């Protein structure tokens, strides 16, 4: 029998996007573009860089954990009692890029945060697609 009190859940969203990975990477790493689809931040794609995402509802503190340009980006995401990790994976395809986002670390008692992240990331992805299409 497993101890479910220590199990965590993840929010995973994947999309096929008709854009090169370099273009998506810019939207994931440039603060002025991040602000257009996600939140205001002082992000820099440098390992151990600490930054903050802020919005009308509050903010989250983050730290860059992994950077592999045009391929992988990972950062901690801490705020409102949630300690999680967001990982972006970009895989080139014949028609663009397969983009995968995973936010891991939701405890069983964080149902509301998990639900909020599921709906929030869905909206963020829609915003990201609009920003990418607009900058063609």
N, C-alpha and C. Protein backbone atom coordinates (compact mmCIF):
# COMPACT_ATOMS: atom_id res chain seq x y z
N UNK A 1 0.84 -1.18 0.00
CA UNK A 1 0.00 0.00 0.00
C UNK A 1 0.89 1.25 0.00
N UNK A 2 0.47 2.27 -0.76
CA UNK A 2 1.28 3.48 -0.84
C UNK A 2 0.74 4.54 0.10
N UNK A 3 1.62 5.41 0.53
CA UNK A 3 1.25 6.51 1.41
C UNK A 3 0.82 7.68 0.53
N UNK A 4 -0.49 7.91 0.44
CA UNK A 4 -1.00 8.94 -0.45
C UNK A 4 -0.78 10.35 0.09
N UNK A 5 -0.41 10.49 1.35
CA UNK A 5 -0.22 11.82 1.92
C UNK A 5 1.01 12.52 1.33
N UNK A 6 1.92 11.75 0.74
CA UNK A 6 3.12 12.38 0.18
C UNK A 6 3.07 12.43 -1.34
N UNK A 7 2.03 11.88 -1.95
CA UNK A 7 1.93 11.91 -3.41
C UNK A 7 1.54 13.31 -3.87
N UNK A 8 2.10 13.72 -4.98
CA UNK A 8 1.74 15.02 -5.53
C UNK A 8 1.18 14.83 -6.94
N UNK A 9 0.48 15.86 -7.39
CA UNK A 9 -0.10 15.83 -8.73
C UNK A 9 0.55 16.91 -9.57
N UNK A 10 0.37 16.77 -10.86
CA UNK A 10 0.92 17.73 -11.81
C UNK A 10 -0.17 18.19 -12.76
N UNK A 11 -0.05 19.43 -13.21
CA UNK A 11 -0.86 19.95 -14.30
C UNK A 11 0.02 19.88 -15.54
N UNK A 12 -0.47 19.21 -16.58
CA UNK A 12 0.29 19.08 -17.82
C UNK A 12 -0.58 19.60 -18.96
N UNK A 13 -0.01 20.49 -19.76
CA UNK A 13 -0.69 20.98 -20.95
C UNK A 13 0.29 20.84 -22.11
N UNK A 14 -0.21 20.28 -23.21
CA UNK A 14 0.62 20.09 -24.38
C UNK A 14 -0.11 20.64 -25.60
N UNK A 15 0.65 21.28 -26.48
CA UNK A 15 0.07 21.83 -27.70
C UNK A 15 1.06 21.68 -28.85
N UNK A 16 0.52 21.41 -30.02
CA UNK A 16 1.30 21.50 -31.25
C UNK A 16 1.13 22.93 -31.74
N UNK A 17 2.23 23.63 -31.95
CA UNK A 17 2.17 25.02 -32.37
C UNK A 17 2.90 25.20 -33.70
N UNK A 18 2.30 25.96 -34.61
CA UNK A 18 2.90 26.14 -35.94
C UNK A 18 3.98 27.22 -35.96
N UNK A 19 4.83 27.21 -34.94
CA UNK A 19 5.89 28.22 -34.83
C UNK A 19 7.21 27.52 -34.50
N UNK A 20 8.33 28.08 -34.95
CA UNK A 20 9.62 27.47 -34.61
C UNK A 20 9.90 27.60 -33.11
N UNK A 21 10.68 26.68 -32.58
CA UNK A 21 10.96 26.68 -31.14
C UNK A 21 11.65 27.97 -30.71
N UNK A 22 12.46 28.58 -31.57
CA UNK A 22 13.14 29.82 -31.21
C UNK A 22 12.15 30.95 -30.91
N UNK A 23 11.08 30.98 -31.68
CA UNK A 23 10.06 32.02 -31.48
C UNK A 23 9.31 31.79 -30.16
N UNK A 24 8.97 30.54 -29.89
CA UNK A 24 8.27 30.21 -28.63
C UNK A 24 9.22 30.48 -27.46
N UNK A 25 10.49 30.14 -27.60
CA UNK A 25 11.48 30.38 -26.54
C UNK A 25 11.51 31.86 -26.16
N UNK A 26 11.51 32.74 -27.17
CA UNK A 26 11.50 34.17 -26.88
C UNK A 26 10.29 34.55 -26.05
N UNK A 27 9.12 34.00 -26.38
CA UNK A 27 7.89 34.32 -25.63
C UNK A 27 7.95 33.78 -24.20
N UNK A 28 8.74 32.71 -23.99
CA UNK A 28 8.87 32.13 -22.65
C UNK A 28 9.93 32.82 -21.80
N UNK A 29 10.83 33.59 -22.45
CA UNK A 29 11.98 34.10 -21.72
C UNK A 29 12.18 35.62 -21.75
N UNK A 30 11.46 36.33 -22.60
CA UNK A 30 11.63 37.78 -22.65
C UNK A 30 10.54 38.46 -21.82
N UNK A 31 10.92 39.23 -20.79
CA UNK A 31 9.94 39.82 -19.88
C UNK A 31 8.80 40.59 -20.55
N UNK A 32 9.09 41.37 -21.59
CA UNK A 32 8.01 42.13 -22.23
C UNK A 32 7.01 41.22 -22.92
N UNK A 33 7.46 40.06 -23.43
CA UNK A 33 6.54 39.09 -24.03
C UNK A 33 5.83 38.28 -22.95
N UNK A 34 6.56 37.89 -21.90
CA UNK A 34 5.93 37.16 -20.78
C UNK A 34 4.75 37.97 -20.21
N UNK A 35 4.95 39.27 -20.10
CA UNK A 35 3.89 40.13 -19.55
C UNK A 35 2.65 40.11 -20.42
N UNK A 36 2.82 39.94 -21.73
CA UNK A 36 1.67 39.93 -22.64
C UNK A 36 0.79 38.71 -22.47
N UNK A 37 1.38 37.55 -22.14
CA UNK A 37 0.56 36.34 -22.08
C UNK A 37 0.50 35.69 -20.70
N UNK A 38 1.45 36.00 -19.81
CA UNK A 38 1.47 35.36 -18.50
C UNK A 38 1.32 36.40 -17.40
N UNK A 39 2.41 37.00 -16.98
CA UNK A 39 2.38 38.03 -15.93
C UNK A 39 3.61 38.91 -16.04
N UNK A 40 3.58 40.02 -15.33
CA UNK A 40 4.76 40.88 -15.22
C UNK A 40 5.84 40.10 -14.46
N UNK A 41 7.09 40.33 -14.86
CA UNK A 41 8.18 39.64 -14.16
C UNK A 41 9.51 40.34 -14.43
N UNK A 42 10.49 39.95 -13.64
CA UNK A 42 11.87 40.37 -13.87
C UNK A 42 12.70 39.14 -14.21
N UNK A 43 12.12 38.30 -15.05
CA UNK A 43 12.72 37.03 -15.45
C UNK A 43 13.99 37.23 -16.28
N UNK A 44 14.96 36.35 -16.05
CA UNK A 44 16.15 36.23 -16.90
C UNK A 44 16.43 34.74 -17.03
N UNK A 45 16.73 34.25 -18.23
CA UNK A 45 17.01 32.82 -18.40
C UNK A 45 18.43 32.45 -17.95
N UNK A 46 18.64 32.57 -16.64
CA UNK A 46 19.95 32.25 -16.06
C UNK A 46 19.73 31.39 -14.82
N UNK A 47 20.42 30.26 -14.74
CA UNK A 47 20.25 29.35 -13.61
C UNK A 47 20.51 30.08 -12.30
N UNK A 48 19.64 29.82 -11.33
CA UNK A 48 19.65 30.40 -9.98
C UNK A 48 19.13 31.84 -9.92
N UNK A 49 18.74 32.42 -11.06
CA UNK A 49 18.16 33.77 -11.04
C UNK A 49 16.82 33.72 -10.31
N UNK A 50 16.66 34.57 -9.31
CA UNK A 50 15.39 34.67 -8.58
C UNK A 50 14.57 35.79 -9.19
N UNK A 51 13.27 35.51 -9.41
CA UNK A 51 12.40 36.50 -10.00
C UNK A 51 10.99 36.34 -9.44
N UNK A 52 10.14 37.28 -9.79
CA UNK A 52 8.77 37.27 -9.28
C UNK A 52 7.81 37.52 -10.43
N UNK A 53 6.76 36.68 -10.49
CA UNK A 53 5.64 36.95 -11.38
C UNK A 53 4.61 37.70 -10.55
N UNK A 54 4.04 38.78 -11.09
CA UNK A 54 3.02 39.51 -10.34
C UNK A 54 1.83 39.84 -11.23
N UNK A 55 0.66 39.81 -10.59
CA UNK A 55 -0.61 40.09 -11.27
C UNK A 55 -1.54 40.79 -10.27
N UNK A 56 -2.73 41.11 -10.70
CA UNK A 56 -3.69 41.78 -9.83
C UNK A 56 -3.99 40.99 -8.56
N UNK A 57 -3.99 39.66 -8.66
CA UNK A 57 -4.35 38.79 -7.53
C UNK A 57 -3.20 38.56 -6.56
N UNK A 58 -1.98 38.95 -6.93
CA UNK A 58 -0.84 38.73 -6.05
C UNK A 58 0.39 38.36 -6.86
N UNK A 59 1.30 37.64 -6.21
CA UNK A 59 2.54 37.30 -6.89
C UNK A 59 3.03 35.92 -6.47
N UNK A 60 3.97 35.40 -7.26
CA UNK A 60 4.65 34.14 -6.93
C UNK A 60 6.14 34.38 -7.07
N UNK A 61 6.90 33.78 -6.16
CA UNK A 61 8.35 33.88 -6.19
C UNK A 61 8.90 32.66 -6.91
N UNK A 62 9.90 32.90 -7.75
CA UNK A 62 10.43 31.84 -8.59
C UNK A 62 11.95 31.88 -8.61
N UNK A 63 12.52 30.74 -9.01
CA UNK A 63 13.97 30.64 -9.20
C UNK A 63 14.22 29.73 -10.39
N UNK A 64 15.07 30.18 -11.30
CA UNK A 64 15.38 29.40 -12.49
C UNK A 64 16.20 28.18 -12.09
N UNK A 65 15.74 27.00 -12.52
CA UNK A 65 16.40 25.74 -12.18
C UNK A 65 17.16 25.13 -13.35
N UNK A 66 16.63 25.30 -14.56
CA UNK A 66 17.26 24.68 -15.73
C UNK A 66 17.00 25.55 -16.95
N UNK A 67 18.03 25.72 -17.77
CA UNK A 67 17.91 26.47 -19.01
C UNK A 67 18.69 25.74 -20.09
N UNK A 68 17.99 25.29 -21.11
CA UNK A 68 18.62 24.74 -22.31
C UNK A 68 17.92 25.45 -23.47
N UNK A 69 18.52 26.53 -24.00
CA UNK A 69 17.85 27.38 -24.98
C UNK A 69 17.14 26.62 -26.10
N UNK A 70 15.89 27.05 -26.33
CA UNK A 70 15.02 26.49 -27.36
C UNK A 70 14.60 25.04 -27.11
N UNK A 71 14.92 24.50 -25.90
CA UNK A 71 14.56 23.12 -25.59
C UNK A 71 13.87 22.96 -24.25
N UNK A 72 14.48 23.43 -23.16
CA UNK A 72 13.95 23.20 -21.82
C UNK A 72 14.14 24.43 -20.94
N UNK A 73 13.10 24.74 -20.17
CA UNK A 73 13.16 25.81 -19.19
C UNK A 73 12.39 25.33 -17.96
N UNK A 74 13.02 25.47 -16.79
CA UNK A 74 12.37 25.02 -15.57
C UNK A 74 12.63 26.04 -14.47
N UNK A 75 11.57 26.33 -13.67
CA UNK A 75 11.72 27.23 -12.54
C UNK A 75 10.78 26.85 -11.41
N UNK A 76 11.21 27.17 -10.19
CA UNK A 76 10.34 26.94 -9.04
C UNK A 76 9.22 27.97 -9.10
N UNK A 77 8.10 27.65 -8.44
CA UNK A 77 6.90 28.50 -8.45
C UNK A 77 6.33 28.41 -7.04
N UNK A 78 6.57 29.44 -6.23
CA UNK A 78 6.17 29.39 -4.83
C UNK A 78 5.32 30.60 -4.46
N UNK A 79 4.18 30.32 -3.89
CA UNK A 79 3.30 31.39 -3.44
C UNK A 79 1.98 30.83 -2.98
N UNK A 80 1.36 31.51 -2.04
CA UNK A 80 0.03 31.12 -1.54
C UNK A 80 0.03 29.68 -1.03
N UNK A 81 1.13 29.27 -0.39
CA UNK A 81 1.23 27.93 0.19
C UNK A 81 1.63 26.84 -0.78
N UNK A 82 1.84 27.19 -2.03
CA UNK A 82 2.19 26.20 -3.05
C UNK A 82 3.69 26.26 -3.33
N UNK A 83 4.32 25.11 -3.28
CA UNK A 83 5.72 24.98 -3.69
C UNK A 83 5.74 23.99 -4.83
N UNK A 84 5.96 24.50 -6.04
CA UNK A 84 5.90 23.64 -7.21
C UNK A 84 7.02 24.00 -8.17
N UNK A 85 7.08 23.24 -9.26
CA UNK A 85 8.08 23.47 -10.30
C UNK A 85 7.36 23.49 -11.64
N UNK A 86 7.67 24.49 -12.46
CA UNK A 86 7.12 24.60 -13.81
C UNK A 86 8.24 24.25 -14.78
N UNK A 87 7.96 23.30 -15.68
CA UNK A 87 8.94 22.87 -16.67
C UNK A 87 8.33 22.97 -18.06
N UNK A 88 9.03 23.68 -18.93
CA UNK A 88 8.63 23.83 -20.33
C UNK A 88 9.57 22.98 -21.17
N UNK A 89 9.00 22.20 -22.10
CA UNK A 89 9.79 21.39 -23.02
C UNK A 89 9.34 21.70 -24.44
N UNK A 90 10.29 22.08 -25.29
CA UNK A 90 10.01 22.41 -26.68
C UNK A 90 10.66 21.36 -27.56
N UNK A 91 9.85 20.73 -28.42
CA UNK A 91 10.35 19.70 -29.32
C UNK A 91 9.97 20.07 -30.75
N UNK A 92 10.96 20.31 -31.61
CA UNK A 92 10.65 20.65 -33.01
C UNK A 92 9.88 19.50 -33.69
N UNK A 93 8.93 19.88 -34.54
CA UNK A 93 8.17 18.91 -35.33
C UNK A 93 8.27 19.33 -36.79
N UNK A 94 7.70 18.54 -37.66
CA UNK A 94 7.73 18.88 -39.08
C UNK A 94 6.97 20.15 -39.41
N UNK A 95 6.02 20.52 -38.55
CA UNK A 95 5.18 21.69 -38.84
C UNK A 95 5.32 22.80 -37.81
N UNK A 96 6.26 22.68 -36.89
CA UNK A 96 6.42 23.72 -35.87
C UNK A 96 7.09 23.16 -34.63
N UNK A 97 6.37 23.26 -33.50
CA UNK A 97 6.95 22.84 -32.21
C UNK A 97 5.87 22.20 -31.34
N UNK A 98 6.24 21.11 -30.70
CA UNK A 98 5.39 20.51 -29.65
C UNK A 98 5.82 21.17 -28.35
N UNK A 99 4.89 21.89 -27.72
CA UNK A 99 5.17 22.58 -26.46
C UNK A 99 4.48 21.85 -25.32
N UNK A 100 5.27 21.51 -24.30
CA UNK A 100 4.73 20.81 -23.12
C UNK A 100 5.08 21.63 -21.88
N UNK A 101 4.08 21.87 -21.04
CA UNK A 101 4.27 22.56 -19.77
C UNK A 101 3.77 21.63 -18.67
N UNK A 102 4.60 21.45 -17.66
CA UNK A 102 4.19 20.67 -16.49
C UNK A 102 4.46 21.49 -15.24
N UNK A 103 3.42 21.66 -14.44
CA UNK A 103 3.60 22.26 -13.11
C UNK A 103 3.39 21.13 -12.12
N UNK A 104 4.47 20.74 -11.44
CA UNK A 104 4.43 19.59 -10.54
C UNK A 104 4.55 20.03 -9.09
N UNK A 105 4.01 19.21 -8.20
CA UNK A 105 4.18 19.45 -6.77
C UNK A 105 2.91 19.80 -6.00
N UNK A 106 1.74 19.58 -6.61
CA UNK A 106 0.48 19.87 -5.90
C UNK A 106 0.19 18.75 -4.90
N UNK A 107 0.11 19.10 -3.62
CA UNK A 107 -0.22 18.12 -2.58
C UNK A 107 -1.72 17.79 -2.64
N UNK A 108 -2.11 16.64 -2.07
CA UNK A 108 -3.52 16.27 -2.08
C UNK A 108 -4.43 17.31 -1.43
N UNK A 109 -3.93 18.07 -0.44
CA UNK A 109 -4.77 19.06 0.23
C UNK A 109 -4.82 20.39 -0.53
N UNK A 110 -4.26 20.42 -1.73
CA UNK A 110 -4.24 21.66 -2.52
C UNK A 110 -5.14 21.55 -3.74
N UNK A 111 -6.34 21.01 -3.53
CA UNK A 111 -7.28 20.83 -4.64
C UNK A 111 -7.64 22.15 -5.32
N UNK A 112 -7.83 23.19 -4.53
CA UNK A 112 -8.20 24.48 -5.10
C UNK A 112 -7.06 25.05 -5.95
N UNK A 113 -5.84 24.97 -5.45
CA UNK A 113 -4.68 25.46 -6.21
C UNK A 113 -4.51 24.64 -7.49
N UNK A 114 -4.71 23.33 -7.40
CA UNK A 114 -4.59 22.46 -8.56
C UNK A 114 -5.63 22.82 -9.62
N UNK A 115 -6.87 23.00 -9.18
CA UNK A 115 -7.94 23.39 -10.11
C UNK A 115 -7.68 24.76 -10.72
N UNK A 116 -7.21 25.69 -9.90
CA UNK A 116 -6.89 27.01 -10.40
C UNK A 116 -5.76 26.98 -11.42
N UNK A 117 -4.77 26.16 -11.17
CA UNK A 117 -3.66 26.04 -12.12
C UNK A 117 -4.13 25.42 -13.42
N UNK A 118 -4.99 24.40 -13.34
CA UNK A 118 -5.49 23.78 -14.58
C UNK A 118 -6.21 24.78 -15.45
N UNK A 119 -7.10 25.57 -14.85
CA UNK A 119 -7.83 26.55 -15.66
C UNK A 119 -6.94 27.72 -16.03
N UNK A 120 -6.06 28.14 -15.12
CA UNK A 120 -5.17 29.26 -15.40
C UNK A 120 -4.22 28.98 -16.54
N UNK A 121 -3.56 27.82 -16.52
CA UNK A 121 -2.61 27.51 -17.59
C UNK A 121 -3.31 27.35 -18.93
N UNK A 122 -4.54 26.85 -18.94
CA UNK A 122 -5.30 26.75 -20.19
C UNK A 122 -5.48 28.14 -20.79
N UNK A 123 -5.82 29.12 -19.95
CA UNK A 123 -5.98 30.50 -20.43
C UNK A 123 -4.64 31.09 -20.84
N UNK A 124 -3.59 30.83 -20.05
CA UNK A 124 -2.27 31.35 -20.40
C UNK A 124 -1.82 30.82 -21.76
N UNK A 125 -2.08 29.53 -22.04
CA UNK A 125 -1.71 28.96 -23.33
C UNK A 125 -2.46 29.65 -24.46
N UNK A 126 -3.74 29.93 -24.26
CA UNK A 126 -4.52 30.64 -25.29
C UNK A 126 -3.91 32.02 -25.52
N UNK A 127 -3.53 32.71 -24.46
CA UNK A 127 -2.89 34.02 -24.58
C UNK A 127 -1.56 33.91 -25.32
N UNK A 128 -0.78 32.88 -24.99
CA UNK A 128 0.51 32.67 -25.64
C UNK A 128 0.33 32.48 -27.14
N UNK A 129 -0.65 31.67 -27.52
CA UNK A 129 -0.89 31.43 -28.94
C UNK A 129 -1.26 32.72 -29.66
N UNK A 130 -2.02 33.59 -29.00
CA UNK A 130 -2.37 34.88 -29.60
C UNK A 130 -1.15 35.76 -29.78
N UNK A 131 -0.28 35.80 -28.76
CA UNK A 131 0.94 36.61 -28.84
C UNK A 131 1.83 36.09 -29.98
N UNK A 132 1.98 34.79 -30.09
CA UNK A 132 2.82 34.21 -31.14
C UNK A 132 2.25 34.50 -32.53
N UNK A 133 0.94 34.37 -32.67
CA UNK A 133 0.30 34.62 -33.98
C UNK A 133 0.40 36.09 -34.35
N UNK A 134 0.29 36.97 -33.37
CA UNK A 134 0.34 38.40 -33.63
C UNK A 134 1.72 38.86 -34.09
N UNK A 135 2.73 38.19 -33.62
CA UNK A 135 4.09 38.64 -33.92
C UNK A 135 4.67 37.92 -35.15
N UNK A 136 3.81 37.40 -35.99
CA UNK A 136 4.26 36.72 -37.23
C UNK A 136 4.95 37.70 -38.14
